[in-house]
Amino acid sequence: MPPVKSMLKKALVDEAKKAHDCQHNSHHRLQKGDKRLAIKSIRNFEYYCTACAISTIDADIRKLENLKAQLQQT
């Protein structure tokens, strides 16, 4: 049986190596050592602060639960 494919892009949690702005909201500043969400884009990673990452993850969970519910309807 082939492995189950994931709909998620390559994503991981790491620490900022230097200070920089969040990719989603330039008013959010990550400092060196802050946790951040890294999502693989075409060639590079895009980095999001914790607040933006959590709100995005929550929104995506709701979308996935909605898709699952639609598939389970008989």
PDB file of N, CA and C in Angstrom:
ATOM      1  N   MET A   1       0.846  -1.172   0.000  1.00  0.00           N
ATOM      2  CA  MET A   1       0.000   0.000   0.000  1.00  0.00           C
ATOM      3  C   MET A   1       0.898   1.245   0.000  1.00  0.00           C
ATOM      4  N   PRO A   2       0.665   2.206  -0.875  1.00  0.00           N
ATOM      5  CA  PRO A   2       1.498   3.413  -0.915  1.00  0.00           C
ATOM      6  C   PRO A   2       1.245   4.282   0.317  1.00  0.00           C
ATOM      7  N   PRO A   3       2.231   5.084   0.688  1.00  0.00           N
ATOM      8  CA  PRO A   3       2.048   5.962   1.848  1.00  0.00           C
ATOM      9  C   PRO A   3       0.979   7.020   1.569  1.00  0.00           C
ATOM     10  N   VAL A   4       0.326   7.478   2.631  1.00  0.00           N
ATOM     11  CA  VAL A   4      -0.701   8.507   2.506  1.00  0.00           C
ATOM     12  C   VAL A   4      -0.026   9.834   2.181  1.00  0.00           C
ATOM     13  N   LYS A   5      -0.525  10.522   1.171  1.00  0.00           N
ATOM     14  CA  LYS A   5       0.040  11.810   0.795  1.00  0.00           C
ATOM     15  C   LYS A   5      -0.499  12.891   1.724  1.00  0.00           C
ATOM     16  N   SER A   6       0.323  13.867   2.003  1.00  0.00           N
ATOM     17  CA  SER A   6      -0.075  14.976   2.845  1.00  0.00           C
ATOM     18  C   SER A   6      -0.464  16.171   1.996  1.00  0.00           C
ATOM     19  N   MET A   7      -1.486  16.897   2.441  1.00  0.00           N
ATOM     20  CA  MET A   7      -1.874  18.128   1.763  1.00  0.00           C
ATOM     21  C   MET A   7      -1.062  19.315   2.275  1.00  0.00           C
ATOM     22  N   LEU A   8      -0.290  19.085   3.329  1.00  0.00           N
ATOM     23  CA  LEU A   8       0.514  20.163   3.907  1.00  0.00           C
ATOM     24  C   LEU A   8       1.800  20.330   3.135  1.00  0.00           C
ATOM     25  N   LYS A   9       2.185  21.576   2.950  1.00  0.00           N
ATOM     26  CA  LYS A   9       3.487  21.852   2.372  1.00  0.00           C
ATOM     27  C   LYS A   9       4.525  21.523   3.428  1.00  0.00           C
ATOM     28  N   LYS A  10       5.768  21.537   3.036  1.00  0.00           N
ATOM     29  CA  LYS A  10       6.816  21.308   4.017  1.00  0.00           C
ATOM     30  C   LYS A  10       6.806  22.449   5.020  1.00  0.00           C
ATOM     31  N   ALA A  11       6.591  22.132   6.273  1.00  0.00           N
ATOM     32  CA  ALA A  11       6.529  23.140   7.327  1.00  0.00           C
ATOM     33  C   ALA A  11       7.264  22.631   8.555  1.00  0.00           C
ATOM     34  N   LEU A  12       7.875  23.537   9.283  1.00  0.00           N
ATOM     35  CA  LEU A  12       8.569  23.169  10.510  1.00  0.00           C
ATOM     36  C   LEU A  12       8.637  24.360  11.438  1.00  0.00           C
ATOM     37  N   VAL A  13       8.911  24.088  12.703  1.00  0.00           N
ATOM     38  CA  VAL A  13       9.100  25.135  13.702  1.00  0.00           C
ATOM     39  C   VAL A  13      10.584  25.188  14.008  1.00  0.00           C
ATOM     40  N   ASP A  14      11.139  26.407  13.968  1.00  0.00           N
ATOM     41  CA  ASP A  14      12.545  26.583  14.332  1.00  0.00           C
ATOM     42  C   ASP A  14      12.709  27.906  15.056  1.00  0.00           C
ATOM     43  N   GLU A  15      13.937  28.323  15.254  1.00  0.00           N
ATOM     44  CA  GLU A  15      14.222  29.586  15.924  1.00  0.00           C
ATOM     45  C   GLU A  15      14.834  30.564  14.937  1.00  0.00           C
ATOM     46  N   ALA A  16      14.465  31.828  15.083  1.00  0.00           N
ATOM     47  CA  ALA A  16      15.030  32.869  14.223  1.00  0.00           C
ATOM     48  C   ALA A  16      16.520  33.005  14.518  1.00  0.00           C
ATOM     49  N   LYS A  17      17.313  33.036  13.481  1.00  0.00           N
ATOM     50  CA  LYS A  17      18.763  33.172  13.643  1.00  0.00           C
ATOM     51  C   LYS A  17      19.184  34.634  13.729  1.00  0.00           C
ATOM     52  N   LYS A  18      18.287  35.521  13.266  1.00  0.00           N
ATOM     53  CA  LYS A  18      18.514  36.957  13.375  1.00  0.00           C
ATOM     54  C   LYS A  18      17.153  37.642  13.408  1.00  0.00           C
ATOM     55  N   ALA A  19      17.111  38.904  13.772  1.00  0.00           N
ATOM     56  CA  ALA A  19      15.858  39.646  13.823  1.00  0.00           C
ATOM     57  C   ALA A  19      15.363  39.918  12.406  1.00  0.00           C
ATOM     58  N   HIS A  20      14.048  39.774  12.200  1.00  0.00           N
ATOM     59  CA  HIS A  20      13.438  40.069  10.907  1.00  0.00           C
ATOM     60  C   HIS A  20      11.937  40.211  11.079  1.00  0.00           C
ATOM     61  N   ASP A  21      11.264  40.717  10.047  1.00  0.00           N
ATOM     62  CA  ASP A  21       9.820  40.882  10.082  1.00  0.00           C
ATOM     63  C   ASP A  21       9.118  39.576   9.716  1.00  0.00           C
ATOM     64  N   CYS A  22       7.914  39.418  10.240  1.00  0.00           N
ATOM     65  CA  CYS A  22       7.047  38.296   9.877  1.00  0.00           C
ATOM     66  C   CYS A  22       6.630  38.450   8.418  1.00  0.00           C
ATOM     67  N   GLN A  23       6.550  37.351   7.672  1.00  0.00           N
ATOM     68  CA  GLN A  23       6.161  37.388   6.261  1.00  0.00           C
ATOM     69  C   GLN A  23       4.697  37.811   6.086  1.00  0.00           C
ATOM     70  N   HIS A  24       3.858  37.538   7.099  1.00  0.00           N
ATOM     71  CA  HIS A  24       2.433  37.841   6.987  1.00  0.00           C
ATOM     72  C   HIS A  24       2.116  39.272   7.409  1.00  0.00           C
ATOM     73  N   ASN A  25       2.782  39.763   8.455  1.00  0.00           N
ATOM     74  CA  ASN A  25       2.491  41.089   8.997  1.00  0.00           C
ATOM     75  C   ASN A  25       3.806  41.768   9.329  1.00  0.00           C
ATOM     76  N   SER A  26       4.159  42.783   8.544  1.00  0.00           N
ATOM     77  CA  SER A  26       5.455  43.438   8.733  1.00  0.00           C
ATOM     78  C   SER A  26       5.538  44.224  10.033  1.00  0.00           C
ATOM     79  N   HIS A  27       4.406  44.400  10.734  1.00  0.00           N
ATOM     80  CA  HIS A  27       4.434  45.057  12.038  1.00  0.00           C
ATOM     81  C   HIS A  27       4.852  44.088  13.140  1.00  0.00           C
ATOM     82  N   HIS A  28       4.866  42.793  12.831  1.00  0.00           N
ATOM     83  CA  HIS A  28       5.313  41.787  13.794  1.00  0.00           C
ATOM     84  C   HIS A  28       6.795  41.535  13.563  1.00  0.00           C
ATOM     85  N   ARG A  29       7.593  41.776  14.569  1.00  0.00           N
ATOM     86  CA  ARG A  29       9.043  41.642  14.472  1.00  0.00           C
ATOM     87  C   ARG A  29       9.492  40.429  15.252  1.00  0.00           C
ATOM     88  N   LEU A  30      10.213  39.532  14.601  1.00  0.00           N
ATOM     89  CA  LEU A  30      10.806  38.379  15.274  1.00  0.00           C
ATOM     90  C   LEU A  30      12.215  38.760  15.708  1.00  0.00           C
ATOM     91  N   GLN A  31      12.558  38.394  16.921  1.00  0.00           N
ATOM     92  CA  GLN A  31      13.894  38.643  17.438  1.00  0.00           C
ATOM     93  C   GLN A  31      14.699  37.350  17.382  1.00  0.00           C
ATOM     94  N   LYS A  32      16.000  37.476  17.412  1.00  0.00           N
ATOM     95  CA  LYS A  32      16.874  36.307  17.394  1.00  0.00           C
ATOM     96  C   LYS A  32      16.474  35.371  18.537  1.00  0.00           C
ATOM     97  N   GLY A  33      16.276  34.097  18.208  1.00  0.00           N
ATOM     98  CA  GLY A  33      15.907  33.091  19.199  1.00  0.00           C
ATOM     99  C   GLY A  33      14.420  32.858  19.344  1.00  0.00           C
ATOM    100  N   ASP A  34      13.573  33.727  18.757  1.00  0.00           N
ATOM    101  CA  ASP A  34      12.125  33.534  18.823  1.00  0.00           C
ATOM    102  C   ASP A  34      11.726  32.307  18.009  1.00  0.00           C
ATOM    103  N   LYS A  35      10.699  31.591  18.488  1.00  0.00           N
ATOM    104  CA  LYS A  35      10.135  30.502  17.700  1.00  0.00           C
ATOM    105  C   LYS A  35       9.401  31.093  16.513  1.00  0.00           C
ATOM    106  N   ARG A  36       9.453  30.381  15.385  1.00  0.00           N
ATOM    107  CA  ARG A  36       8.766  30.825  14.175  1.00  0.00           C
ATOM    108  C   ARG A  36       8.339  29.608  13.378  1.00  0.00           C
ATOM    109  N   LEU A  37       7.346  29.801  12.522  1.00  0.00           N
ATOM    110  CA  LEU A  37       6.899  28.755  11.619  1.00  0.00           C
ATOM    111  C   LEU A  37       7.555  28.991  10.273  1.00  0.00           C
ATOM    112  N   ALA A  38       8.205  27.980   9.747  1.00  0.00           N
ATOM    113  CA  ALA A  38       8.846  28.061   8.437  1.00  0.00           C
ATOM    114  C   ALA A  38       8.064  27.179   7.468  1.00  0.00           C
ATOM    115  N   ILE A  39       7.629  27.775   6.371  1.00  0.00           N
ATOM    116  CA  ILE A  39       6.891  27.038   5.349  1.00  0.00           C
ATOM    117  C   ILE A  39       7.660  27.143   4.044  1.00  0.00           C
ATOM    118  N   LYS A  40       7.919  25.998   3.450  1.00  0.00           N
ATOM    119  CA  LYS A  40       8.676  25.946   2.199  1.00  0.00           C
ATOM    120  C   LYS A  40       7.839  26.519   1.066  1.00  0.00           C
ATOM    121  N   SER A  41       8.372  27.546   0.428  1.00  0.00           N
ATOM    122  CA  SER A  41       7.766  28.092  -0.771  1.00  0.00           C
ATOM    123  C   SER A  41       8.440  27.378  -1.941  1.00  0.00           C
ATOM    124  N   ILE A  42       8.400  27.935  -3.113  1.00  0.00           N
ATOM    125  CA  ILE A  42       8.964  27.251  -4.273  1.00  0.00           C
ATOM    126  C   ILE A  42      10.440  26.922  -4.055  1.00  0.00           C
ATOM    127  N   ARG A  43      11.233  27.917  -3.727  1.00  0.00           N
ATOM    128  CA  ARG A  43      12.659  27.679  -3.517  1.00  0.00           C
ATOM    129  C   ARG A  43      13.133  28.063  -2.127  1.00  0.00           C
ATOM    130  N   ASN A  44      12.392  28.928  -1.462  1.00  0.00           N
ATOM    131  CA  ASN A  44      12.815  29.451  -0.167  1.00  0.00           C
ATOM    132  C   ASN A  44      11.798  29.099   0.900  1.00  0.00           C
ATOM    133  N   PHE A  45      12.161  29.404   2.130  1.00  0.00           N
ATOM    134  CA  PHE A  45      11.219  29.294   3.232  1.00  0.00           C
ATOM    135  C   PHE A  45      10.629  30.666   3.500  1.00  0.00           C
ATOM    136  N   GLU A  46       9.364  30.696   3.915  1.00  0.00           N
ATOM    137  CA  GLU A  46       8.729  31.912   4.392  1.00  0.00           C
ATOM    138  C   GLU A  46       8.548  31.725   5.891  1.00  0.00           C
ATOM    139  N   TYR A  47       8.841  32.784   6.659  1.00  0.00           N
ATOM    140  CA  TYR A  47       8.861  32.682   8.117  1.00  0.00           C
ATOM    141  C   TYR A  47       7.765  33.536   8.732  1.00  0.00           C
ATOM    142  N   TYR A  48       7.019  32.931   9.678  1.00  0.00           N
ATOM    143  CA  TYR A  48       5.886  33.587  10.316  1.00  0.00           C
ATOM    144  C   TYR A  48       6.067  33.597  11.825  1.00  0.00           C
ATOM    145  N   CYS A  49       5.658  34.716  12.448  1.00  0.00           N
ATOM    146  CA  CYS A  49       5.727  34.811  13.904  1.00  0.00           C
ATOM    147  C   CYS A  49       4.718  33.837  14.519  1.00  0.00           C
ATOM    148  N   THR A  50       4.838  33.621  15.800  1.00  0.00           N
ATOM    149  CA  THR A  50       3.968  32.670  16.493  1.00  0.00           C
ATOM    150  C   THR A  50       2.497  33.061  16.381  1.00  0.00           C
ATOM    151  N   ALA A  51       2.186  34.349  16.581  1.00  0.00           N
ATOM    152  CA  ALA A  51       0.787  34.797  16.545  1.00  0.00           C
ATOM    153  C   ALA A  51       0.169  34.553  15.168  1.00  0.00           C
ATOM    154  N   CYS A  52       0.863  34.934  14.117  1.00  0.00           N
ATOM    155  CA  CYS A  52       0.335  34.735  12.757  1.00  0.00           C
ATOM    156  C   CYS A  52       0.268  33.247  12.415  1.00  0.00           C
ATOM    157  N   ALA A  53       1.257  32.485  12.840  1.00  0.00           N
ATOM    158  CA  ALA A  53       1.273  31.051  12.554  1.00  0.00           C
ATOM    159  C   ALA A  53       0.093  30.348  13.212  1.00  0.00           C
ATOM    160  N   ILE A  54      -0.176  30.667  14.474  1.00  0.00           N
ATOM    161  CA  ILE A  54      -1.271  30.013  15.193  1.00  0.00           C
ATOM    162  C   ILE A  54      -2.612  30.370  14.565  1.00  0.00           C
ATOM    163  N   SER A  55      -2.830  31.640  14.194  1.00  0.00           N
ATOM    164  CA  SER A  55      -4.112  32.010  13.578  1.00  0.00           C
ATOM    165  C   SER A  55      -4.272  31.339  12.214  1.00  0.00           C
ATOM    166  N   THR A  56      -3.195  31.207  11.459  1.00  0.00           N
ATOM    167  CA  THR A  56      -3.255  30.534  10.165  1.00  0.00           C
ATOM    168  C   THR A  56      -3.537  29.046  10.338  1.00  0.00           C
ATOM    169  N   ILE A  57      -2.876  28.412  11.286  1.00  0.00           N
ATOM    170  CA  ILE A  57      -3.094  26.988  11.555  1.00  0.00           C
ATOM    171  C   ILE A  57      -4.541  26.746  11.979  1.00  0.00           C
ATOM    172  N   ASP A  58      -5.058  27.594  12.876  1.00  0.00           N
ATOM    173  CA  ASP A  58      -6.455  27.448  13.318  1.00  0.00           C
ATOM    174  C   ASP A  58      -7.427  27.572  12.149  1.00  0.00           C
ATOM    175  N   ALA A  59      -7.194  28.535  11.257  1.00  0.00           N
ATOM    176  CA  ALA A  59      -8.069  28.713  10.100  1.00  0.00           C
ATOM    177  C   ALA A  59      -7.997  27.491   9.181  1.00  0.00           C
ATOM    178  N   ASP A  60      -6.792  26.958   8.983  1.00  0.00           N
ATOM    179  CA  ASP A  60      -6.643  25.790   8.115  1.00  0.00           C
ATOM    180  C   ASP A  60      -7.279  24.543   8.731  1.00  0.00           C
ATOM    181  N   ILE A  61      -7.216  24.414  10.046  1.00  0.00           N
ATOM    182  CA  ILE A  61      -7.868  23.284  10.718  1.00  0.00           C
ATOM    183  C   ILE A  61      -9.371  23.348  10.486  1.00  0.00           C
ATOM    184  N   ARG A  62      -9.942  24.544  10.609  1.00  0.00           N
ATOM    185  CA  ARG A  62     -11.390  24.693  10.357  1.00  0.00           C
ATOM    186  C   ARG A  62     -11.734  24.315   8.918  1.00  0.00           C
ATOM    187  N   LYS A  63     -10.919  24.733   7.963  1.00  0.00           N
ATOM    188  CA  LYS A  63     -11.173  24.390   6.555  1.00  0.00           C
ATOM    189  C   LYS A  63     -11.099  22.881   6.336  1.00  0.00           C
ATOM    190  N   LEU A  64     -10.098  22.225   6.928  1.00  0.00           N
ATOM    191  CA  LEU A  64      -9.949  20.782   6.769  1.00  0.00           C
ATOM    192  C   LEU A  64     -11.098  20.030   7.427  1.00  0.00           C
ATOM    193  N   GLU A  65     -11.540  20.503   8.605  1.00  0.00           N
ATOM    194  CA  GLU A  65     -12.676  19.860   9.264  1.00  0.00           C
ATOM    195  C   GLU A  65     -13.941  20.014   8.420  1.00  0.00           C
ATOM    196  N   ASN A  66     -14.106  21.154   7.769  1.00  0.00           N
ATOM    197  CA  ASN A  66     -15.260  21.375   6.896  1.00  0.00           C
ATOM    198  C   ASN A  66     -15.208  20.427   5.699  1.00  0.00           C
ATOM    199  N   LEU A  67     -14.033  20.293   5.086  1.00  0.00           N
ATOM    200  CA  LEU A  67     -13.890  19.360   3.960  1.00  0.00           C
ATOM    201  C   LEU A  67     -14.191  17.930   4.393  1.00  0.00           C
ATOM    202  N   LYS A  68     -13.698  17.549   5.562  1.00  0.00           N
ATOM    203  CA  LYS A  68     -13.936  16.198   6.078  1.00  0.00           C
ATOM    204  C   LYS A  68     -15.432  15.972   6.298  1.00  0.00           C
ATOM    205  N   ALA A  69     -16.108  16.965   6.867  1.00  0.00           N
ATOM    206  CA  ALA A  69     -17.549  16.837   7.112  1.00  0.00           C
ATOM    207  C   ALA A  69     -18.311  16.705   5.802  1.00  0.00           C
ATOM    208  N   GLN A  70     -17.915  17.460   4.787  1.00  0.00           N
ATOM    209  CA  GLN A  70     -18.579  17.363   3.488  1.00  0.00           C
ATOM    210  C   GLN A  70     -18.397  15.972   2.877  1.00  0.00           C
ATOM    211  N   LEU A  71     -17.234  15.397   3.037  1.00  0.00           N
ATOM    212  CA  LEU A  71     -16.971  14.062   2.485  1.00  0.00           C
ATOM    213  C   LEU A  71     -17.731  12.982   3.231  1.00  0.00           C
ATOM    214  N   GLN A  72     -17.992  13.207   4.525  1.00  0.00           N
ATOM    215  CA  GLN A  72     -18.653  12.191   5.331  1.00  0.00           C
ATOM    216  C   GLN A  72     -20.174  12.236   5.226  1.00  0.00           C
ATOM    217  N   GLN A  73     -20.712  13.296   4.624  1.00  0.00           N
ATOM    218  CA  GLN A  73     -22.161  13.387   4.480  1.00  0.00           C
ATOM    219  C   GLN A  73     -22.654  12.312   3.516  1.00  0.00           C
ATOM    220  N   THR A  74     -23.752  11.714   3.880  1.00  0.00           N
ATOM    221  CA  THR A  74     -24.301  10.668   3.009  1.00  0.00           C
ATOM    222  C   THR A  74     -25.516  11.119   2.274  1.00  0.00           C
TER     223      THR A  74
END
